[in-house]
Amino acid sequence: MVAQKWQQDIITKKGQRPEKKAPKLKKRRFDDIVISLFVYATLIFVAFTTLYPFWNALVISFNDGFDAANGGITVWPRVFTLDNYRLVFADSRLLNSLGISIARTAVGTLISMVVTGMMGYALSKKYLIGRKLYMTLCIITLYFGGGLIPTYLLIRNLGMINTFWVLVLPSAVNIWNMIIFRTFFQNLPTSLEESARVDGCNHITMFLRIVFPLSSPVFATLGLFTAVTYWNSWFDASIYITRDNLLPMQNLLINIINSAIPPDQMRQIGGAAGNVHMAGVTQRSLMMATMMIAVLPIVLAYPFIQKYFVKGVLVGSLKE
């Protein structure tokens, strides 16, 4: 009986799997906790100092202008009103400038992505004749410019003063973006190009049907950067545009900021734009409302394209 029980215990022990012990959690040291708290506190402080000015401007844009002039508005409107935005949209100049900014951003980004992308694709081919010379000329433009006066004379001789295209074409080619495109295209498998050539594709067909679909991250990333640049640009319009109907939103915002209109006359700005009489609108409240309208499209676009940022920029900046 003892022998049988001993054999049965051996069989039972052999059939059982050894129990895995749960790994012990490593206790965090005191200095690690202090460093983590310091990092989190720093990030919260940076986020607050970055976001609060934007939030405060948004609050003031929804607050009565004369009440906001008394101060004390921090995180919520004290006297809520939509008069500032009504006045913005009642002024035909502001609506026209908003349309110019939207058209400039859309058309300029499309042209820049096509021209810069195709330029980067061409310079990524080692068999391109004069490739090094072209790259050298492009690199020189990163360090040296033609100067403001020669550039103005060139734009004037081309007949582009006071035209929509002066807001788009002079900055259509971005050499830095071209270098990122070029590096990205160099990392694409050469077998794709060889297969496309066997099927009879030319370079344009290859770029549109093969390269472009595979390059959506870098196109989305650089496209957004280009759109932000076009949307925020104001200096070129201040030089080349003298007609009010071609001024972008940013230039009109600067005119509002620099204007010396007394607060009691700001309520009559609507005038011919619809006989608008706003009793609670001041220069500052109107400026904040205009600024929110100018910033809103870019803020709304970021969440949808943010996922392409890291992938697009890193892949385009690495070389095998």
C-alpha atoms as a PDB file:
ATOM      1  CA  MET A   1       0.000   0.000   0.000  1.00  0.00           C
ATOM      2  CA  VAL A   2       2.777   2.392   0.858  1.00  0.00           C
ATOM      3  CA  ALA A   3       4.598   1.583  -2.398  1.00  0.00           C
ATOM      4  CA  GLN A   4       1.464   2.088  -4.478  1.00  0.00           C
ATOM      5  CA  LYS A   5       0.730   5.388  -2.766  1.00  0.00           C
ATOM      6  CA  TRP A   6       4.338   6.461  -3.325  1.00  0.00           C
ATOM      7  CA  GLN A   7       4.140   5.573  -7.047  1.00  0.00           C
ATOM      8  CA  GLN A   8       0.785   7.405  -7.363  1.00  0.00           C
ATOM      9  CA  ASP A   9       2.266  10.531  -5.779  1.00  0.00           C
ATOM     10  CA  ILE A  10       5.153  10.405  -8.230  1.00  0.00           C
ATOM     11  CA  ILE A  11       2.782  10.106 -11.209  1.00  0.00           C
ATOM     12  CA  THR A  12       0.629  12.918  -9.902  1.00  0.00           C
ATOM     13  CA  LYS A  13       3.624  15.208  -9.398  1.00  0.00           C
ATOM     14  CA  LYS A  14       4.944  14.403 -12.877  1.00  0.00           C
ATOM     15  CA  GLY A  15       1.578  15.171 -14.452  1.00  0.00           C
ATOM     16  CA  GLN A  16       1.304  18.508 -12.732  1.00  0.00           C
ATOM     17  CA  ARG A  17       2.792  21.583 -14.388  1.00  0.00           C
ATOM     18  CA  PRO A  18       4.985  23.726 -12.235  1.00  0.00           C
ATOM     19  CA  GLU A  19       3.195  26.841 -11.098  1.00  0.00           C
ATOM     20  CA  LYS A  20       4.589  30.066 -12.491  1.00  0.00           C
ATOM     21  CA  LYS A  21       5.283  32.649  -9.885  1.00  0.00           C
ATOM     22  CA  ALA A  22       4.077  36.142 -10.664  1.00  0.00           C
ATOM     23  CA  PRO A  23       6.956  38.534 -11.215  1.00  0.00           C
ATOM     24  CA  LYS A  24       7.544  40.833  -8.334  1.00  0.00           C
ATOM     25  CA  LEU A  25       6.837  44.459  -9.008  1.00  0.00           C
ATOM     26  CA  LYS A  26       9.927  46.520  -8.689  1.00  0.00           C
ATOM     27  CA  LYS A  27       9.470  49.268  -6.177  1.00  0.00           C
ATOM     28  CA  ARG A  28      10.027  52.722  -7.531  1.00  0.00           C
ATOM     29  CA  ARG A  29      12.783  54.644  -5.936  1.00  0.00           C
ATOM     30  CA  PHE A  30      12.124  57.975  -4.318  1.00  0.00           C
ATOM     31  CA  ASP A  31      14.268  59.891  -6.807  1.00  0.00           C
ATOM     32  CA  ASP A  32      12.345  58.303  -9.742  1.00  0.00           C
ATOM     33  CA  ILE A  33       9.074  59.528  -8.251  1.00  0.00           C
ATOM     34  CA  VAL A  34      10.478  63.032  -7.792  1.00  0.00           C
ATOM     35  CA  ILE A  35      11.738  63.158 -11.399  1.00  0.00           C
ATOM     36  CA  SER A  36       8.371  61.922 -12.735  1.00  0.00           C
ATOM     37  CA  LEU A  37       6.490  64.530 -10.736  1.00  0.00           C
ATOM     38  CA  PHE A  38       8.835  67.238 -12.010  1.00  0.00           C
ATOM     39  CA  VAL A  39       8.364  66.117 -15.640  1.00  0.00           C
ATOM     40  CA  TYR A  40       4.559  66.010 -15.332  1.00  0.00           C
ATOM     41  CA  ALA A  41       4.472  69.392 -13.618  1.00  0.00           C
ATOM     42  CA  THR A  42       6.642  70.895 -16.360  1.00  0.00           C
ATOM     43  CA  LEU A  43       4.440  69.450 -19.120  1.00  0.00           C
ATOM     44  CA  ILE A  44       1.270  70.727 -17.431  1.00  0.00           C
ATOM     45  CA  PHE A  45       2.811  74.179 -17.028  1.00  0.00           C
ATOM     46  CA  VAL A  46       3.921  74.292 -20.677  1.00  0.00           C
ATOM     47  CA  ALA A  47       0.495  73.098 -21.878  1.00  0.00           C
ATOM     48  CA  PHE A  48      -1.249  75.703 -19.739  1.00  0.00           C
ATOM     49  CA  THR A  49       0.961  78.590 -20.855  1.00  0.00           C
ATOM     50  CA  THR A  50       0.511  77.484 -24.487  1.00  0.00           C
ATOM     51  CA  LEU A  51      -3.253  76.960 -24.506  1.00  0.00           C
ATOM     52  CA  TYR A  52      -4.460  79.652 -22.098  1.00  0.00           C
ATOM     53  CA  PRO A  53      -3.715  82.679 -24.339  1.00  0.00           C
ATOM     54  CA  PHE A  54      -5.680  81.037 -27.146  1.00  0.00           C
ATOM     55  CA  TRP A  55      -8.561  80.207 -24.798  1.00  0.00           C
ATOM     56  CA  ASN A  56      -8.579  83.718 -23.333  1.00  0.00           C
ATOM     57  CA  ALA A  57      -8.737  85.230 -26.830  1.00  0.00           C
ATOM     58  CA  LEU A  58     -11.672  82.921 -27.621  1.00  0.00           C
ATOM     59  CA  VAL A  59     -13.455  84.004 -24.432  1.00  0.00           C
ATOM     60  CA  ILE A  60     -12.949  87.700 -25.193  1.00  0.00           C
ATOM     61  CA  SER A  61     -14.285  87.197 -28.721  1.00  0.00           C
ATOM     62  CA  PHE A  62     -17.572  85.955 -27.197  1.00  0.00           C
ATOM     63  CA  ASN A  63     -17.727  88.717 -24.587  1.00  0.00           C
ATOM     64  CA  ASP A  64     -19.137  92.226 -24.788  1.00  0.00           C
ATOM     65  CA  GLY A  65     -16.325  94.493 -25.963  1.00  0.00           C
ATOM     66  CA  PHE A  66     -16.874  97.345 -23.485  1.00  0.00           C
ATOM     67  CA  ASP A  67     -17.253  94.903 -20.623  1.00  0.00           C
ATOM     68  CA  ALA A  68     -14.026  93.149 -21.669  1.00  0.00           C
ATOM     69  CA  ALA A  69     -12.242  96.518 -21.565  1.00  0.00           C
ATOM     70  CA  ASN A  70     -12.789  96.550 -17.796  1.00  0.00           C
ATOM     71  CA  GLY A  71     -10.583  93.445 -17.461  1.00  0.00           C
ATOM     72  CA  GLY A  72     -11.066  90.456 -15.186  1.00  0.00           C
ATOM     73  CA  ILE A  73     -12.128  87.998 -17.927  1.00  0.00           C
ATOM     74  CA  THR A  74     -10.183  84.760 -17.544  1.00  0.00           C
ATOM     75  CA  VAL A  75     -11.837  81.437 -18.398  1.00  0.00           C
ATOM     76  CA  TRP A  76     -15.456  82.271 -19.253  1.00  0.00           C
ATOM     77  CA  PRO A  77     -17.349  85.187 -20.879  1.00  0.00           C
ATOM     78  CA  ARG A  78     -18.850  87.555 -18.329  1.00  0.00           C
ATOM     79  CA  VAL A  79     -21.346  89.144 -20.741  1.00  0.00           C
ATOM     80  CA  PHE A  80     -21.874  86.625 -23.526  1.00  0.00           C
ATOM     81  CA  THR A  81     -22.590  88.018 -26.997  1.00  0.00           C
ATOM     82  CA  LEU A  82     -22.265  87.093 -30.662  1.00  0.00           C
ATOM     83  CA  ASP A  83     -22.116  90.696 -31.866  1.00  0.00           C
ATOM     84  CA  ASN A  84     -18.382  90.480 -32.590  1.00  0.00           C
ATOM     85  CA  TYR A  85     -18.860  87.599 -35.015  1.00  0.00           C
ATOM     86  CA  ARG A  86     -21.983  89.164 -36.516  1.00  0.00           C
ATOM     87  CA  LEU A  87     -19.977  92.266 -37.302  1.00  0.00           C
ATOM     88  CA  VAL A  88     -17.134  90.223 -38.790  1.00  0.00           C
ATOM     89  CA  PHE A  89     -19.442  88.397 -41.170  1.00  0.00           C
ATOM     90  CA  ALA A  90     -21.431  91.550 -41.946  1.00  0.00           C
ATOM     91  CA  ASP A  91     -18.344  93.326 -43.321  1.00  0.00           C
ATOM     92  CA  SER A  92     -17.924  92.359 -46.969  1.00  0.00           C
ATOM     93  CA  ARG A  93     -14.179  93.054 -46.772  1.00  0.00           C
ATOM     94  CA  LEU A  94     -13.690  90.417 -44.088  1.00  0.00           C
ATOM     95  CA  LEU A  95     -15.686  87.790 -45.955  1.00  0.00           C
ATOM     96  CA  ASN A  96     -13.825  88.580 -49.163  1.00  0.00           C
ATOM     97  CA  SER A  97     -10.447  88.355 -47.422  1.00  0.00           C
ATOM     98  CA  LEU A  98     -11.461  85.031 -45.874  1.00  0.00           C
ATOM     99  CA  GLY A  99     -12.306  83.719 -49.343  1.00  0.00           C
ATOM    100  CA  ILE A 100      -8.936  84.934 -50.674  1.00  0.00           C
ATOM    101  CA  SER A 101      -7.093  83.140 -47.864  1.00  0.00           C
ATOM    102  CA  ILE A 102      -9.010  79.898 -48.442  1.00  0.00           C
ATOM    103  CA  ALA A 103      -8.462  80.023 -52.216  1.00  0.00           C
ATOM    104  CA  ARG A 104      -4.789  80.887 -51.776  1.00  0.00           C
ATOM    105  CA  THR A 105      -4.239  78.011 -49.353  1.00  0.00           C
ATOM    106  CA  ALA A 106      -6.075  75.433 -51.467  1.00  0.00           C
ATOM    107  CA  VAL A 107      -4.610  76.394 -54.846  1.00  0.00           C
ATOM    108  CA  GLY A 108      -1.133  77.117 -53.498  1.00  0.00           C
ATOM    109  CA  THR A 109      -0.887  73.844 -51.577  1.00  0.00           C
ATOM    110  CA  LEU A 110      -2.050  71.830 -54.595  1.00  0.00           C
ATOM    111  CA  ILE A 111       0.421  73.502 -56.964  1.00  0.00           C
ATOM    112  CA  SER A 112       3.275  73.292 -54.466  1.00  0.00           C
ATOM    113  CA  MET A 113       2.737  69.588 -53.773  1.00  0.00           C
ATOM    114  CA  VAL A 114       2.579  68.711 -57.471  1.00  0.00           C
ATOM    115  CA  VAL A 115       5.588  70.799 -58.533  1.00  0.00           C
ATOM    116  CA  THR A 116       7.768  70.086 -55.493  1.00  0.00           C
ATOM    117  CA  GLY A 117       6.860  66.389 -55.453  1.00  0.00           C
ATOM    118  CA  MET A 118       7.651  65.877 -59.139  1.00  0.00           C
ATOM    119  CA  MET A 119      10.885  67.815 -58.727  1.00  0.00           C
ATOM    120  CA  GLY A 120      11.909  65.581 -55.823  1.00  0.00           C
ATOM    121  CA  TYR A 121      10.961  62.481 -57.820  1.00  0.00           C
ATOM    122  CA  ALA A 122      13.119  63.563 -60.756  1.00  0.00           C
ATOM    123  CA  LEU A 123      16.124  64.382 -58.571  1.00  0.00           C
ATOM    124  CA  SER A 124      15.836  61.027 -56.785  1.00  0.00           C
ATOM    125  CA  LYS A 125      16.874  59.222 -59.989  1.00  0.00           C
ATOM    126  CA  LYS A 126      20.629  58.661 -60.197  1.00  0.00           C
ATOM    127  CA  TYR A 127      20.509  58.407 -63.990  1.00  0.00           C
ATOM    128  CA  LEU A 128      19.236  61.993 -64.349  1.00  0.00           C
ATOM    129  CA  ILE A 129      21.773  63.991 -66.393  1.00  0.00           C
ATOM    130  CA  GLY A 130      23.080  66.991 -64.426  1.00  0.00           C
ATOM    131  CA  ARG A 131      21.544  65.749 -61.175  1.00  0.00           C
ATOM    132  CA  LYS A 132      24.377  67.016 -58.972  1.00  0.00           C
ATOM    133  CA  LEU A 133      24.358  70.418 -60.655  1.00  0.00           C
ATOM    134  CA  TYR A 134      20.623  70.801 -60.123  1.00  0.00           C
ATOM    135  CA  MET A 135      20.939  69.811 -56.470  1.00  0.00           C
ATOM    136  CA  THR A 136      23.785  72.289 -55.960  1.00  0.00           C
ATOM    137  CA  LEU A 137      21.725  75.118 -57.431  1.00  0.00           C
ATOM    138  CA  CYS A 138      18.799  74.169 -55.208  1.00  0.00           C
ATOM    139  CA  ILE A 139      20.965  74.048 -52.070  1.00  0.00           C
ATOM    140  CA  ILE A 140      22.374  77.521 -52.824  1.00  0.00           C
ATOM    141  CA  THR A 141      18.867  78.985 -52.696  1.00  0.00           C
ATOM    142  CA  LEU A 142      18.528  77.713 -49.114  1.00  0.00           C
ATOM    143  CA  TYR A 143      21.352  80.008 -48.000  1.00  0.00           C
ATOM    144  CA  PHE A 144      21.152  82.956 -50.391  1.00  0.00           C
ATOM    145  CA  GLY A 145      18.186  84.932 -51.706  1.00  0.00           C
ATOM    146  CA  GLY A 146      17.833  87.457 -54.462  1.00  0.00           C
ATOM    147  CA  GLY A 147      16.897  90.291 -52.118  1.00  0.00           C
ATOM    148  CA  LEU A 148      13.661  92.181 -51.634  1.00  0.00           C
ATOM    149  CA  ILE A 149      14.150  94.867 -54.307  1.00  0.00           C
ATOM    150  CA  PRO A 150      15.319  92.502 -57.119  1.00  0.00           C
ATOM    151  CA  THR A 151      12.464  90.150 -56.276  1.00  0.00           C
ATOM    152  CA  TYR A 152       9.947  92.991 -56.423  1.00  0.00           C
ATOM    153  CA  LEU A 153      11.304  94.160 -59.771  1.00  0.00           C
ATOM    154  CA  LEU A 154      11.069  90.612 -61.128  1.00  0.00           C
ATOM    155  CA  ILE A 155       7.471  90.231 -59.945  1.00  0.00           C
ATOM    156  CA  ARG A 156       6.581  93.601 -61.460  1.00  0.00           C
ATOM    157  CA  ASN A 157       8.202  92.767 -64.811  1.00  0.00           C
ATOM    158  CA  LEU A 158       6.245  89.529 -64.886  1.00  0.00           C
ATOM    159  CA  GLY A 159       3.028  91.516 -64.506  1.00  0.00           C
ATOM    160  CA  MET A 160       1.991  89.795 -61.280  1.00  0.00           C
ATOM    161  CA  ILE A 161       1.508  92.877 -59.087  1.00  0.00           C
ATOM    162  CA  ASN A 162      -2.054  93.070 -57.720  1.00  0.00           C
ATOM    163  CA  THR A 163      -2.967  89.627 -59.046  1.00  0.00           C
ATOM    164  CA  PHE A 164      -4.050  86.490 -57.226  1.00  0.00           C
ATOM    165  CA  TRP A 165      -1.128  84.486 -58.623  1.00  0.00           C
ATOM    166  CA  VAL A 166       1.453  86.633 -56.850  1.00  0.00           C
ATOM    167  CA  LEU A 167       0.168  85.051 -53.630  1.00  0.00           C
ATOM    168  CA  VAL A 168       0.707  81.523 -54.956  1.00  0.00           C
ATOM    169  CA  LEU A 169       3.423  81.093 -57.586  1.00  0.00           C
ATOM    170  CA  PRO A 170       6.531  82.773 -56.042  1.00  0.00           C
ATOM    171  CA  SER A 171       6.533  80.288 -53.153  1.00  0.00           C
ATOM    172  CA  ALA A 172       5.270  77.244 -55.078  1.00  0.00           C
ATOM    173  CA  VAL A 173       8.608  75.407 -54.904  1.00  0.00           C
ATOM    174  CA  ASN A 174       9.967  74.711 -51.431  1.00  0.00           C
ATOM    175  CA  ILE A 175      13.507  73.323 -51.576  1.00  0.00           C
ATOM    176  CA  TRP A 176      13.417  71.902 -48.068  1.00  0.00           C
ATOM    177  CA  ASN A 177      10.236  69.953 -48.852  1.00  0.00           C
ATOM    178  CA  MET A 178      11.810  68.863 -52.138  1.00  0.00           C
ATOM    179  CA  ILE A 179      14.775  67.349 -50.272  1.00  0.00           C
ATOM    180  CA  ILE A 180      12.392  65.404 -48.006  1.00  0.00           C
ATOM    181  CA  PHE A 181      10.457  64.180 -51.057  1.00  0.00           C
ATOM    182  CA  ARG A 182      13.704  63.186 -52.764  1.00  0.00           C
ATOM    183  CA  THR A 183      14.945  61.189 -49.773  1.00  0.00           C
ATOM    184  CA  PHE A 184      11.587  59.464 -49.402  1.00  0.00           C
ATOM    185  CA  PHE A 185      11.467  58.466 -53.071  1.00  0.00           C
ATOM    186  CA  GLN A 186      15.022  57.115 -52.910  1.00  0.00           C
ATOM    187  CA  ASN A 187      13.891  54.625 -50.263  1.00  0.00           C
ATOM    188  CA  LEU A 188      11.126  53.169 -52.437  1.00  0.00           C
ATOM    189  CA  PRO A 189      11.917  49.713 -53.884  1.00  0.00           C
ATOM    190  CA  THR A 190      13.451  49.894 -57.343  1.00  0.00           C
ATOM    191  CA  SER A 191      11.544  46.752 -58.304  1.00  0.00           C
ATOM    192  CA  LEU A 192       8.358  48.815 -58.479  1.00  0.00           C
ATOM    193  CA  GLU A 193       9.871  51.063 -61.127  1.00  0.00           C
ATOM    194  CA  GLU A 194      11.239  48.114 -63.079  1.00  0.00           C
ATOM    195  CA  SER A 195       7.838  46.379 -63.061  1.00  0.00           C
ATOM    196  CA  ALA A 196       6.115  49.564 -64.197  1.00  0.00           C
ATOM    197  CA  ARG A 197       8.565  49.991 -67.057  1.00  0.00           C
ATOM    198  CA  VAL A 198       7.915  46.427 -68.209  1.00  0.00           C
ATOM    199  CA  ASP A 199       4.193  47.246 -68.286  1.00  0.00           C
ATOM    200  CA  GLY A 200       4.912  50.287 -70.469  1.00  0.00           C
ATOM    201  CA  CYS A 201       4.450  53.093 -67.912  1.00  0.00           C
ATOM    202  CA  ASN A 202       6.200  56.390 -68.447  1.00  0.00           C
ATOM    203  CA  HIS A 203       7.495  58.566 -65.613  1.00  0.00           C
ATOM    204  CA  ILE A 204       4.302  60.617 -65.253  1.00  0.00           C
ATOM    205  CA  THR A 205       2.096  57.526 -65.079  1.00  0.00           C
ATOM    206  CA  MET A 206       4.531  55.909 -62.659  1.00  0.00           C
ATOM    207  CA  PHE A 207       4.487  58.968 -60.422  1.00  0.00           C
ATOM    208  CA  LEU A 208       0.693  59.329 -60.374  1.00  0.00           C
ATOM    209  CA  ARG A 209      -0.324  55.658 -60.119  1.00  0.00           C
ATOM    210  CA  ILE A 210       2.511  54.064 -58.148  1.00  0.00           C
ATOM    211  CA  VAL A 211       4.654  56.610 -56.324  1.00  0.00           C
ATOM    212  CA  PHE A 212       1.899  58.971 -55.189  1.00  0.00           C
ATOM    213  CA  PRO A 213      -0.320  56.304 -53.512  1.00  0.00           C
ATOM    214  CA  LEU A 214       2.713  54.923 -51.657  1.00  0.00           C
ATOM    215  CA  SER A 215       3.747  58.411 -50.512  1.00  0.00           C
ATOM    216  CA  SER A 216       0.529  59.527 -48.844  1.00  0.00           C
ATOM    217  CA  PRO A 217       2.161  60.044 -45.388  1.00  0.00           C
ATOM    218  CA  VAL A 218       4.833  62.424 -46.648  1.00  0.00           C
ATOM    219  CA  PHE A 219       2.383  64.201 -48.975  1.00  0.00           C
ATOM    220  CA  ALA A 220      -0.111  64.666 -46.139  1.00  0.00           C
ATOM    221  CA  THR A 221       2.538  65.934 -43.723  1.00  0.00           C
ATOM    222  CA  LEU A 222       4.255  68.362 -46.068  1.00  0.00           C
ATOM    223  CA  GLY A 223       0.911  69.364 -47.530  1.00  0.00           C
ATOM    224  CA  LEU A 224      -0.322  70.469 -44.123  1.00  0.00           C
ATOM    225  CA  PHE A 225       2.919  72.335 -43.408  1.00  0.00           C
ATOM    226  CA  THR A 226       2.594  74.081 -46.771  1.00  0.00           C
ATOM    227  CA  ALA A 227      -1.062  74.925 -46.129  1.00  0.00           C
ATOM    228  CA  VAL A 228      -0.196  76.450 -42.750  1.00  0.00           C
ATOM    229  CA  THR A 229       2.530  78.535 -44.419  1.00  0.00           C
ATOM    230  CA  TYR A 230       0.169  79.839 -47.096  1.00  0.00           C
ATOM    231  CA  TRP A 231      -2.590  80.510 -44.576  1.00  0.00           C
ATOM    232  CA  ASN A 232      -0.357  82.485 -42.193  1.00  0.00           C
ATOM    233  CA  SER A 233       1.632  84.406 -44.841  1.00  0.00           C
ATOM    234  CA  TRP A 234       1.058  88.139 -44.867  1.00  0.00           C
ATOM    235  CA  PHE A 235       4.366  89.822 -45.751  1.00  0.00           C
ATOM    236  CA  ASP A 236       4.252  89.107 -49.483  1.00  0.00           C
ATOM    237  CA  ALA A 237       0.682  90.408 -49.776  1.00  0.00           C
ATOM    238  CA  SER A 238       1.648  93.601 -47.944  1.00  0.00           C
ATOM    239  CA  ILE A 239       4.296  94.245 -50.629  1.00  0.00           C
ATOM    240  CA  TYR A 240       2.658  93.067 -53.844  1.00  0.00           C
ATOM    241  CA  ILE A 241      -1.040  93.769 -53.143  1.00  0.00           C
ATOM    242  CA  THR A 242      -2.508  97.269 -52.897  1.00  0.00           C
ATOM    243  CA  ARG A 243      -6.121  96.440 -53.745  1.00  0.00           C
ATOM    244  CA  ASP A 244      -8.444  95.700 -50.821  1.00  0.00           C
ATOM    245  CA  ASN A 245     -10.350  93.013 -52.724  1.00  0.00           C
ATOM    246  CA  LEU A 246      -7.173  90.870 -52.953  1.00  0.00           C
ATOM    247  CA  LEU A 247      -5.969  91.194 -49.351  1.00  0.00           C
ATOM    248  CA  PRO A 248      -5.900  87.892 -47.405  1.00  0.00           C
ATOM    249  CA  MET A 249      -7.446  87.567 -43.960  1.00  0.00           C
ATOM    250  CA  GLN A 250      -4.128  87.975 -42.157  1.00  0.00           C
ATOM    251  CA  ASN A 251      -3.401  91.336 -43.795  1.00  0.00           C
ATOM    252  CA  LEU A 252      -6.844  92.639 -42.952  1.00  0.00           C
ATOM    253  CA  LEU A 253      -6.328  91.457 -39.368  1.00  0.00           C
ATOM    254  CA  ILE A 254      -3.075  93.425 -39.222  1.00  0.00           C
ATOM    255  CA  ASN A 255      -4.907  96.500 -40.511  1.00  0.00           C
ATOM    256  CA  ILE A 256      -7.481  96.084 -37.744  1.00  0.00           C
ATOM    257  CA  ILE A 257      -4.739  95.739 -35.124  1.00  0.00           C
ATOM    258  CA  ASN A 258      -2.855  98.788 -36.402  1.00  0.00           C
ATOM    259  CA  SER A 259      -5.916 100.930 -36.962  1.00  0.00           C
ATOM    260  CA  ALA A 260      -6.460 103.904 -34.660  1.00  0.00           C
ATOM    261  CA  ILE A 261     -10.266 103.929 -34.735  1.00  0.00           C
ATOM    262  CA  PRO A 262     -11.782 105.177 -31.459  1.00  0.00           C
ATOM    263  CA  PRO A 263     -13.883 102.556 -29.606  1.00  0.00           C
ATOM    264  CA  ASP A 264     -17.099 104.595 -29.923  1.00  0.00           C
ATOM    265  CA  GLN A 265     -16.782 104.465 -33.728  1.00  0.00           C
ATOM    266  CA  MET A 266     -16.142 100.704 -33.940  1.00  0.00           C
ATOM    267  CA  ARG A 267     -19.874 100.031 -33.527  1.00  0.00           C
ATOM    268  CA  GLN A 268     -20.481 101.743 -36.902  1.00  0.00           C
ATOM    269  CA  ILE A 269     -17.948  99.667 -38.896  1.00  0.00           C
ATOM    270  CA  GLY A 270     -20.671  97.546 -40.459  1.00  0.00           C
ATOM    271  CA  GLY A 271     -22.317 100.617 -42.022  1.00  0.00           C
ATOM    272  CA  ALA A 272     -22.629  99.949 -45.740  1.00  0.00           C
ATOM    273  CA  ALA A 273     -22.106  96.213 -45.185  1.00  0.00           C
ATOM    274  CA  GLY A 274     -25.652  95.916 -43.857  1.00  0.00           C
ATOM    275  CA  ASN A 275     -26.329  98.885 -41.572  1.00  0.00           C
ATOM    276  CA  VAL A 276     -25.029  96.916 -38.605  1.00  0.00           C
ATOM    277  CA  HIS A 277     -25.079  98.778 -35.289  1.00  0.00           C
ATOM    278  CA  MET A 278     -23.319  96.838 -32.564  1.00  0.00           C
ATOM    279  CA  ALA A 279     -23.382  98.549 -29.178  1.00  0.00           C
ATOM    280  CA  GLY A 280     -20.906  96.208 -27.512  1.00  0.00           C
ATOM    281  CA  VAL A 281     -18.157  95.906 -30.133  1.00  0.00           C
ATOM    282  CA  THR A 282     -14.706  97.384 -29.610  1.00  0.00           C
ATOM    283  CA  GLN A 283     -11.521  97.238 -31.617  1.00  0.00           C
ATOM    284  CA  ARG A 284     -10.069  94.547 -29.345  1.00  0.00           C
ATOM    285  CA  SER A 285     -13.149  92.311 -29.350  1.00  0.00           C
ATOM    286  CA  LEU A 286     -13.415  92.575 -33.143  1.00  0.00           C
ATOM    287  CA  MET A 287      -9.722  91.717 -33.441  1.00  0.00           C
ATOM    288  CA  MET A 288     -10.163  88.608 -31.277  1.00  0.00           C
ATOM    289  CA  ALA A 289     -13.170  87.431 -33.295  1.00  0.00           C
ATOM    290  CA  THR A 290     -11.293  87.919 -36.560  1.00  0.00           C
ATOM    291  CA  MET A 291      -8.278  86.079 -35.172  1.00  0.00           C
ATOM    292  CA  MET A 292     -10.439  83.101 -34.135  1.00  0.00           C
ATOM    293  CA  ILE A 293     -11.899  82.885 -37.639  1.00  0.00           C
ATOM    294  CA  ALA A 294      -8.394  83.014 -39.126  1.00  0.00           C
ATOM    295  CA  VAL A 295      -7.080  80.261 -36.835  1.00  0.00           C
ATOM    296  CA  LEU A 296     -10.095  77.936 -36.852  1.00  0.00           C
ATOM    297  CA  PRO A 297      -9.549  76.148 -40.235  1.00  0.00           C
ATOM    298  CA  ILE A 298      -5.970  75.131 -39.376  1.00  0.00           C
ATOM    299  CA  VAL A 299      -6.950  73.992 -35.877  1.00  0.00           C
ATOM    300  CA  LEU A 300      -9.716  71.801 -37.333  1.00  0.00           C
ATOM    301  CA  ALA A 301      -7.395  70.282 -39.941  1.00  0.00           C
ATOM    302  CA  TYR A 302      -4.665  69.181 -37.525  1.00  0.00           C
ATOM    303  CA  PRO A 303      -6.481  66.263 -35.795  1.00  0.00           C
ATOM    304  CA  PHE A 304      -7.294  64.570 -39.098  1.00  0.00           C
ATOM    305  CA  ILE A 305      -3.724  64.653 -40.473  1.00  0.00           C
ATOM    306  CA  GLN A 306      -1.784  64.350 -37.216  1.00  0.00           C
ATOM    307  CA  LYS A 307      -1.360  60.574 -37.628  1.00  0.00           C
ATOM    308  CA  TYR A 308       0.757  61.179 -40.748  1.00  0.00           C
ATOM    309  CA  PHE A 309       3.207  63.568 -39.059  1.00  0.00           C
ATOM    310  CA  VAL A 310       5.678  61.189 -37.420  1.00  0.00           C
ATOM    311  CA  LYS A 311       5.556  58.573 -40.162  1.00  0.00           C
ATOM    312  CA  GLY A 312       5.824  61.039 -43.018  1.00  0.00           C
ATOM    313  CA  VAL A 313       8.625  63.189 -41.632  1.00  0.00           C
ATOM    314  CA  LEU A 314      10.734  60.338 -40.204  1.00  0.00           C
ATOM    315  CA  VAL A 315      10.459  58.140 -43.294  1.00  0.00           C
ATOM    316  CA  GLY A 316      11.333  61.082 -45.490  1.00  0.00           C
ATOM    317  CA  SER A 317      14.342  62.003 -43.379  1.00  0.00           C
ATOM    318  CA  LEU A 318      15.944  58.563 -43.115  1.00  0.00           C
ATOM    319  CA  LYS A 319      18.290  57.159 -45.712  1.00  0.00           C
ATOM    320  CA  GLU A 320      19.358  53.560 -46.086  1.00  0.00           C
END
